[in-house]
Amino acid sequence: MDGKLYRTMEFIMKAFILNLLWLVVCLPMLTIFPATTALFAVVREWQKENDIKVFSAFFRHFKANFKQSFVLGILWIVFTFLLIGDFIITNQMQSSLKYVLFAVFFLLSIVYLFVSITIFPVIVHYQVSWKDAIKNAMLFSIGNPHFVLVSLVVIAGTVVLIFKFPAASMVAFSIASYLIYAVVSKGFHKEKKVQTNYQTAAE
């Protein structure tokens, strides 16, 4: 019992420190993407090796992934505004084409949401360029929608928890990231297993 209590307290302390670092580094707004990438990178390292120094690991990953994540952040902001603008313009149309465009933009929004959820785990897991990260996140989301939906439930649950208990925001974001990476990484392992079996069969 003492061992379990110690591990639980250690987990909560690491989650608190990681959560606090993420919140502080996100304050300039433009650093949200690099900070979130560092958050998931630390979570990945944490799940592979429990004994990590959260503070140094966070800033190491923040520095290593800053340029790539910053570019992605700019692209995401631009695409978000374009998508919102498309909905506004389409809503003002009078022709029947309006409903077709609404359907197209709605499907595009779903893909955008799914990719937004998986892009950070993909970046830190595969360590690829931002172009390949977007492509891999899109392919993963389409091929493994159940993992994305579970992650979406985690995000929704986190939002509800924070609204009901604001104090939970001190650990909620890092724990949610921990759970999301744990879920999405199952998809990564599944894909790797399928590729290995395919290569073995081909040989």
C-alpha atoms as a PDB file:
ATOM      1  CA  MET A   1       0.000   0.000   0.000  1.00  0.00           C
ATOM      2  CA  ASP A   2       2.855   2.377   0.846  1.00  0.00           C
ATOM      3  CA  GLY A   3       4.443   1.627  -2.532  1.00  0.00           C
ATOM      4  CA  LYS A   4       1.210   2.294  -4.401  1.00  0.00           C
ATOM      5  CA  LEU A   5       0.637   5.509  -2.470  1.00  0.00           C
ATOM      6  CA  TYR A   6       4.173   6.687  -3.234  1.00  0.00           C
ATOM      7  CA  ARG A   7       3.802   5.939  -6.970  1.00  0.00           C
ATOM      8  CA  THR A   8       0.438   7.711  -7.035  1.00  0.00           C
ATOM      9  CA  MET A   9       1.842  10.805  -5.329  1.00  0.00           C
ATOM     10  CA  GLU A  10       4.867  10.739  -7.632  1.00  0.00           C
ATOM     11  CA  PHE A  11       2.568  10.547 -10.670  1.00  0.00           C
ATOM     12  CA  ILE A  12       0.460  13.480  -9.439  1.00  0.00           C
ATOM     13  CA  MET A  13       3.565  15.570  -8.705  1.00  0.00           C
ATOM     14  CA  LYS A  14       5.024  14.948 -12.161  1.00  0.00           C
ATOM     15  CA  ALA A  15       1.651  15.700 -13.741  1.00  0.00           C
ATOM     16  CA  PHE A  16       1.430  18.944 -11.760  1.00  0.00           C
ATOM     17  CA  ILE A  17       4.927  20.121 -12.735  1.00  0.00           C
ATOM     18  CA  LEU A  18       4.410  19.204 -16.397  1.00  0.00           C
ATOM     19  CA  ASN A  19       0.991  20.853 -16.430  1.00  0.00           C
ATOM     20  CA  LEU A  20       2.397  24.047 -14.868  1.00  0.00           C
ATOM     21  CA  LEU A  21       5.279  24.204 -17.352  1.00  0.00           C
ATOM     22  CA  TRP A  22       2.885  23.788 -20.257  1.00  0.00           C
ATOM     23  CA  LEU A  23       0.526  26.506 -18.991  1.00  0.00           C
ATOM     24  CA  VAL A  24       3.346  28.997 -18.409  1.00  0.00           C
ATOM     25  CA  VAL A  25       5.037  28.389 -21.767  1.00  0.00           C
ATOM     26  CA  CYS A  26       1.659  28.664 -23.546  1.00  0.00           C
ATOM     27  CA  LEU A  27       1.089  32.191 -22.197  1.00  0.00           C
ATOM     28  CA  PRO A  28       2.597  33.973 -25.240  1.00  0.00           C
ATOM     29  CA  MET A  29      -0.058  32.126 -27.350  1.00  0.00           C
ATOM     30  CA  LEU A  30       2.273  31.724 -30.339  1.00  0.00           C
ATOM     31  CA  THR A  31       4.172  29.073 -28.367  1.00  0.00           C
ATOM     32  CA  ILE A  32       1.130  26.841 -27.835  1.00  0.00           C
ATOM     33  CA  PHE A  33       2.139  24.366 -30.558  1.00  0.00           C
ATOM     34  CA  PRO A  34       5.812  24.026 -29.470  1.00  0.00           C
ATOM     35  CA  ALA A  35       4.699  23.767 -25.826  1.00  0.00           C
ATOM     36  CA  THR A  36       2.121  21.076 -26.620  1.00  0.00           C
ATOM     37  CA  THR A  37       4.650  19.133 -28.675  1.00  0.00           C
ATOM     38  CA  ALA A  38       7.044  19.260 -25.707  1.00  0.00           C
ATOM     39  CA  LEU A  39       4.177  18.165 -23.437  1.00  0.00           C
ATOM     40  CA  PHE A  40       3.514  15.031 -25.515  1.00  0.00           C
ATOM     41  CA  ALA A  41       7.240  14.350 -25.939  1.00  0.00           C
ATOM     42  CA  VAL A  42       7.679  14.307 -22.161  1.00  0.00           C
ATOM     43  CA  VAL A  43       4.594  12.105 -21.802  1.00  0.00           C
ATOM     44  CA  ARG A  44       6.042   9.665 -24.341  1.00  0.00           C
ATOM     45  CA  GLU A  45       9.363   9.591 -22.499  1.00  0.00           C
ATOM     46  CA  TRP A  46       7.522   9.241 -19.199  1.00  0.00           C
ATOM     47  CA  GLN A  47       5.571   6.197 -20.386  1.00  0.00           C
ATOM     48  CA  LYS A  48       8.729   4.538 -21.683  1.00  0.00           C
ATOM     49  CA  GLU A  49      10.802   5.335 -18.616  1.00  0.00           C
ATOM     50  CA  ASN A  50       9.143   6.379 -15.375  1.00  0.00           C
ATOM     51  CA  ASP A  51      12.264   7.941 -13.851  1.00  0.00           C
ATOM     52  CA  ILE A  52      12.521  11.235 -15.779  1.00  0.00           C
ATOM     53  CA  LYS A  53      13.301  14.809 -14.831  1.00  0.00           C
ATOM     54  CA  VAL A  54      10.203  16.616 -16.061  1.00  0.00           C
ATOM     55  CA  PHE A  55      11.611  20.157 -16.019  1.00  0.00           C
ATOM     56  CA  SER A  56      14.768  19.474 -18.039  1.00  0.00           C
ATOM     57  CA  ALA A  57      12.975  17.027 -20.365  1.00  0.00           C
ATOM     58  CA  PHE A  58      10.263  19.572 -21.175  1.00  0.00           C
ATOM     59  CA  PHE A  59      12.651  22.331 -22.209  1.00  0.00           C
ATOM     60  CA  ARG A  60      14.899  19.897 -24.073  1.00  0.00           C
ATOM     61  CA  HIS A  61      11.978  18.774 -26.234  1.00  0.00           C
ATOM     62  CA  PHE A  62      10.634  22.341 -26.500  1.00  0.00           C
ATOM     63  CA  LYS A  63      13.939  23.510 -27.964  1.00  0.00           C
ATOM     64  CA  ALA A  64      14.391  20.473 -30.226  1.00  0.00           C
ATOM     65  CA  ASN A  65      10.898  20.709 -31.771  1.00  0.00           C
ATOM     66  CA  PHE A  66      10.376  24.487 -31.676  1.00  0.00           C
ATOM     67  CA  LYS A  67      10.877  25.349 -35.357  1.00  0.00           C
ATOM     68  CA  GLN A  68       8.783  22.481 -36.716  1.00  0.00           C
ATOM     69  CA  SER A  69       5.984  22.992 -34.194  1.00  0.00           C
ATOM     70  CA  PHE A  70       5.946  26.764 -34.679  1.00  0.00           C
ATOM     71  CA  VAL A  71       5.463  26.346 -38.448  1.00  0.00           C
ATOM     72  CA  LEU A  72       2.639  23.874 -37.798  1.00  0.00           C
ATOM     73  CA  GLY A  73       1.045  26.315 -35.384  1.00  0.00           C
ATOM     74  CA  ILE A  74       1.017  29.090 -37.997  1.00  0.00           C
ATOM     75  CA  LEU A  75      -0.457  26.736 -40.589  1.00  0.00           C
ATOM     76  CA  TRP A  76      -3.148  25.603 -38.145  1.00  0.00           C
ATOM     77  CA  ILE A  77      -4.115  29.191 -37.310  1.00  0.00           C
ATOM     78  CA  VAL A  78      -4.344  30.114 -41.003  1.00  0.00           C
ATOM     79  CA  PHE A  79      -6.372  27.007 -41.863  1.00  0.00           C
ATOM     80  CA  THR A  80      -8.711  27.564 -38.899  1.00  0.00           C
ATOM     81  CA  PHE A  81      -9.542  31.094 -40.047  1.00  0.00           C
ATOM     82  CA  LEU A  82      -9.964  29.924 -43.643  1.00  0.00           C
ATOM     83  CA  LEU A  83     -12.362  27.202 -42.528  1.00  0.00           C
ATOM     84  CA  ILE A  84     -14.379  29.640 -40.412  1.00  0.00           C
ATOM     85  CA  GLY A  85     -14.437  32.095 -43.319  1.00  0.00           C
ATOM     86  CA  ASP A  86     -15.689  29.376 -45.680  1.00  0.00           C
ATOM     87  CA  PHE A  87     -18.608  28.617 -43.352  1.00  0.00           C
ATOM     88  CA  ILE A  88     -19.498  32.308 -43.035  1.00  0.00           C
ATOM     89  CA  ILE A  89     -19.398  32.895 -46.794  1.00  0.00           C
ATOM     90  CA  THR A  90     -21.322  29.692 -47.528  1.00  0.00           C
ATOM     91  CA  ASN A  91     -24.002  30.641 -45.000  1.00  0.00           C
ATOM     92  CA  GLN A  92     -24.626  33.866 -46.936  1.00  0.00           C
ATOM     93  CA  MET A  93     -25.183  32.053 -50.239  1.00  0.00           C
ATOM     94  CA  GLN A  94     -28.709  31.823 -51.630  1.00  0.00           C
ATOM     95  CA  SER A  95     -28.342  28.930 -54.085  1.00  0.00           C
ATOM     96  CA  SER A  96     -28.865  25.235 -53.353  1.00  0.00           C
ATOM     97  CA  LEU A  97     -25.098  24.793 -53.713  1.00  0.00           C
ATOM     98  CA  LYS A  98     -24.946  26.160 -50.177  1.00  0.00           C
ATOM     99  CA  TYR A  99     -25.959  22.806 -48.647  1.00  0.00           C
ATOM    100  CA  VAL A 100     -23.458  20.863 -50.729  1.00  0.00           C
ATOM    101  CA  LEU A 101     -20.650  23.165 -49.630  1.00  0.00           C
ATOM    102  CA  PHE A 102     -21.807  22.926 -46.013  1.00  0.00           C
ATOM    103  CA  ALA A 103     -21.542  19.135 -46.226  1.00  0.00           C
ATOM    104  CA  VAL A 104     -18.064  19.355 -47.773  1.00  0.00           C
ATOM    105  CA  PHE A 105     -16.805  21.816 -45.164  1.00  0.00           C
ATOM    106  CA  PHE A 106     -18.366  19.774 -42.364  1.00  0.00           C
ATOM    107  CA  LEU A 107     -16.493  16.642 -43.475  1.00  0.00           C
ATOM    108  CA  LEU A 108     -13.335  18.722 -43.832  1.00  0.00           C
ATOM    109  CA  SER A 109     -13.849  19.990 -40.285  1.00  0.00           C
ATOM    110  CA  ILE A 110     -14.124  16.423 -38.985  1.00  0.00           C
ATOM    111  CA  VAL A 111     -10.852  15.461 -40.676  1.00  0.00           C
ATOM    112  CA  TYR A 112      -9.280  18.679 -39.349  1.00  0.00           C
ATOM    113  CA  LEU A 113     -10.426  17.858 -35.812  1.00  0.00           C
ATOM    114  CA  PHE A 114      -9.145  14.281 -35.994  1.00  0.00           C
ATOM    115  CA  VAL A 115      -5.765  15.367 -37.362  1.00  0.00           C
ATOM    116  CA  SER A 116      -5.516  18.077 -34.687  1.00  0.00           C
ATOM    117  CA  ILE A 117      -5.897  15.391 -32.004  1.00  0.00           C
ATOM    118  CA  THR A 118      -3.299  13.012 -33.447  1.00  0.00           C
ATOM    119  CA  ILE A 119      -0.730  15.460 -34.846  1.00  0.00           C
ATOM    120  CA  PHE A 120       1.198  15.860 -31.566  1.00  0.00           C
ATOM    121  CA  PRO A 121       1.506  12.123 -30.772  1.00  0.00           C
ATOM    122  CA  VAL A 122       2.578  11.582 -34.396  1.00  0.00           C
ATOM    123  CA  ILE A 123       5.267  14.293 -34.222  1.00  0.00           C
ATOM    124  CA  VAL A 124       6.879  12.921 -31.063  1.00  0.00           C
ATOM    125  CA  HIS A 125       6.492   9.241 -32.002  1.00  0.00           C
ATOM    126  CA  TYR A 126       7.744   9.259 -35.590  1.00  0.00           C
ATOM    127  CA  GLN A 127       9.998  12.341 -35.379  1.00  0.00           C
ATOM    128  CA  VAL A 128       9.364  13.340 -38.988  1.00  0.00           C
ATOM    129  CA  SER A 129       9.100  16.652 -40.849  1.00  0.00           C
ATOM    130  CA  TRP A 130       5.968  18.761 -40.402  1.00  0.00           C
ATOM    131  CA  LYS A 131       4.744  17.759 -43.881  1.00  0.00           C
ATOM    132  CA  ASP A 132       5.081  14.053 -43.106  1.00  0.00           C
ATOM    133  CA  ALA A 133       3.564  14.634 -39.672  1.00  0.00           C
ATOM    134  CA  ILE A 134       0.395  16.065 -41.242  1.00  0.00           C
ATOM    135  CA  LYS A 135       0.235  13.236 -43.785  1.00  0.00           C
ATOM    136  CA  ASN A 136       0.812  10.522 -41.175  1.00  0.00           C
ATOM    137  CA  ALA A 137      -1.701  12.077 -38.765  1.00  0.00           C
ATOM    138  CA  MET A 138      -4.317  12.177 -41.533  1.00  0.00           C
ATOM    139  CA  LEU A 139      -3.685   8.566 -42.574  1.00  0.00           C
ATOM    140  CA  PHE A 140      -3.703   7.403 -38.952  1.00  0.00           C
ATOM    141  CA  SER A 141      -6.957   9.247 -38.207  1.00  0.00           C
ATOM    142  CA  ILE A 142      -8.706   7.773 -41.231  1.00  0.00           C
ATOM    143  CA  GLY A 143      -7.378   4.270 -40.578  1.00  0.00           C
ATOM    144  CA  ASN A 144      -7.945   4.273 -36.811  1.00  0.00           C
ATOM    145  CA  PRO A 145     -11.000   6.439 -36.050  1.00  0.00           C
ATOM    146  CA  HIS A 146     -11.806   4.472 -32.863  1.00  0.00           C
ATOM    147  CA  PHE A 147      -8.549   5.563 -31.212  1.00  0.00           C
ATOM    148  CA  VAL A 148      -9.282   9.166 -32.185  1.00  0.00           C
ATOM    149  CA  LEU A 149     -12.829   8.961 -30.839  1.00  0.00           C
ATOM    150  CA  VAL A 150     -11.574   7.644 -27.491  1.00  0.00           C
ATOM    151  CA  SER A 151      -9.110  10.547 -27.388  1.00  0.00           C
ATOM    152  CA  LEU A 152     -11.974  12.925 -28.166  1.00  0.00           C
ATOM    153  CA  VAL A 153     -13.901  11.494 -25.198  1.00  0.00           C
ATOM    154  CA  VAL A 154     -10.841  12.125 -22.991  1.00  0.00           C
ATOM    155  CA  ILE A 155     -10.695  15.742 -24.181  1.00  0.00           C
ATOM    156  CA  ALA A 156     -14.434  16.268 -23.658  1.00  0.00           C
ATOM    157  CA  GLY A 157     -14.229  14.715 -20.189  1.00  0.00           C
ATOM    158  CA  THR A 158     -11.292  16.984 -19.324  1.00  0.00           C
ATOM    159  CA  VAL A 159     -13.205  20.096 -20.419  1.00  0.00           C
ATOM    160  CA  VAL A 160     -16.263  19.092 -18.348  1.00  0.00           C
ATOM    161  CA  LEU A 161     -14.059  18.332 -15.332  1.00  0.00           C
ATOM    162  CA  ILE A 162     -12.347  21.727 -15.518  1.00  0.00           C
ATOM    163  CA  PHE A 163     -15.663  23.567 -15.835  1.00  0.00           C
ATOM    164  CA  LYS A 164     -17.054  21.785 -12.773  1.00  0.00           C
ATOM    165  CA  PHE A 165     -13.823  21.812 -10.763  1.00  0.00           C
ATOM    166  CA  PRO A 166     -11.539  24.665 -11.955  1.00  0.00           C
ATOM    167  CA  ALA A 167      -8.776  23.547  -9.583  1.00  0.00           C
ATOM    168  CA  ALA A 168      -8.447  20.373 -11.662  1.00  0.00           C
ATOM    169  CA  SER A 169      -6.847  22.478 -14.397  1.00  0.00           C
ATOM    170  CA  MET A 170      -3.596  22.264 -12.405  1.00  0.00           C
ATOM    171  CA  VAL A 171      -3.140  18.632 -13.501  1.00  0.00           C
ATOM    172  CA  ALA A 172      -5.909  17.964 -16.032  1.00  0.00           C
ATOM    173  CA  PHE A 173      -4.039  18.912 -19.221  1.00  0.00           C
ATOM    174  CA  SER A 174      -0.965  16.787 -18.562  1.00  0.00           C
ATOM    175  CA  ILE A 175      -3.036  13.796 -17.431  1.00  0.00           C
ATOM    176  CA  ALA A 176      -5.283  14.129 -20.494  1.00  0.00           C
ATOM    177  CA  SER A 177      -2.173  14.180 -22.707  1.00  0.00           C
ATOM    178  CA  TYR A 178      -0.875  11.119 -20.880  1.00  0.00           C
ATOM    179  CA  LEU A 179      -4.123   9.255 -21.565  1.00  0.00           C
ATOM    180  CA  ILE A 180      -4.355  10.420 -25.194  1.00  0.00           C
ATOM    181  CA  TYR A 181      -0.813   9.289 -25.970  1.00  0.00           C
ATOM    182  CA  ALA A 182      -1.468   5.962 -24.241  1.00  0.00           C
ATOM    183  CA  VAL A 183      -4.520   5.447 -26.465  1.00  0.00           C
ATOM    184  CA  VAL A 184      -2.997   6.659 -29.744  1.00  0.00           C
ATOM    185  CA  SER A 185       0.247   4.733 -29.192  1.00  0.00           C
ATOM    186  CA  LYS A 186      -1.801   1.520 -29.254  1.00  0.00           C
ATOM    187  CA  GLY A 187      -2.641   2.431 -32.840  1.00  0.00           C
ATOM    188  CA  PHE A 188       1.039   3.025 -33.593  1.00  0.00           C
ATOM    189  CA  HIS A 189       1.947  -0.406 -32.231  1.00  0.00           C
ATOM    190  CA  LYS A 190      -0.916  -1.961 -34.181  1.00  0.00           C
ATOM    191  CA  GLU A 191       0.304  -0.399 -37.438  1.00  0.00           C
ATOM    192  CA  LYS A 192       3.879  -1.493 -36.727  1.00  0.00           C
ATOM    193  CA  LYS A 193       2.708  -5.054 -36.069  1.00  0.00           C
ATOM    194  CA  VAL A 194       0.733  -5.117 -39.337  1.00  0.00           C
ATOM    195  CA  GLN A 195       3.750  -3.803 -41.277  1.00  0.00           C
ATOM    196  CA  THR A 196       6.022  -6.394 -39.652  1.00  0.00           C
ATOM    197  CA  ASN A 197       3.621  -9.226 -40.495  1.00  0.00           C
ATOM    198  CA  TYR A 198       3.316  -7.948 -44.076  1.00  0.00           C
ATOM    199  CA  GLN A 199       7.091  -7.796 -44.513  1.00  0.00           C
ATOM    200  CA  THR A 200       7.479 -11.268 -43.022  1.00  0.00           C
ATOM    201  CA  ALA A 201       4.840 -12.674 -45.387  1.00  0.00           C
ATOM    202  CA  ALA A 202       6.485 -10.964 -48.371  1.00  0.00           C
ATOM    203  CA  GLU A 203       9.841 -12.514 -47.504  1.00  0.00           C
END
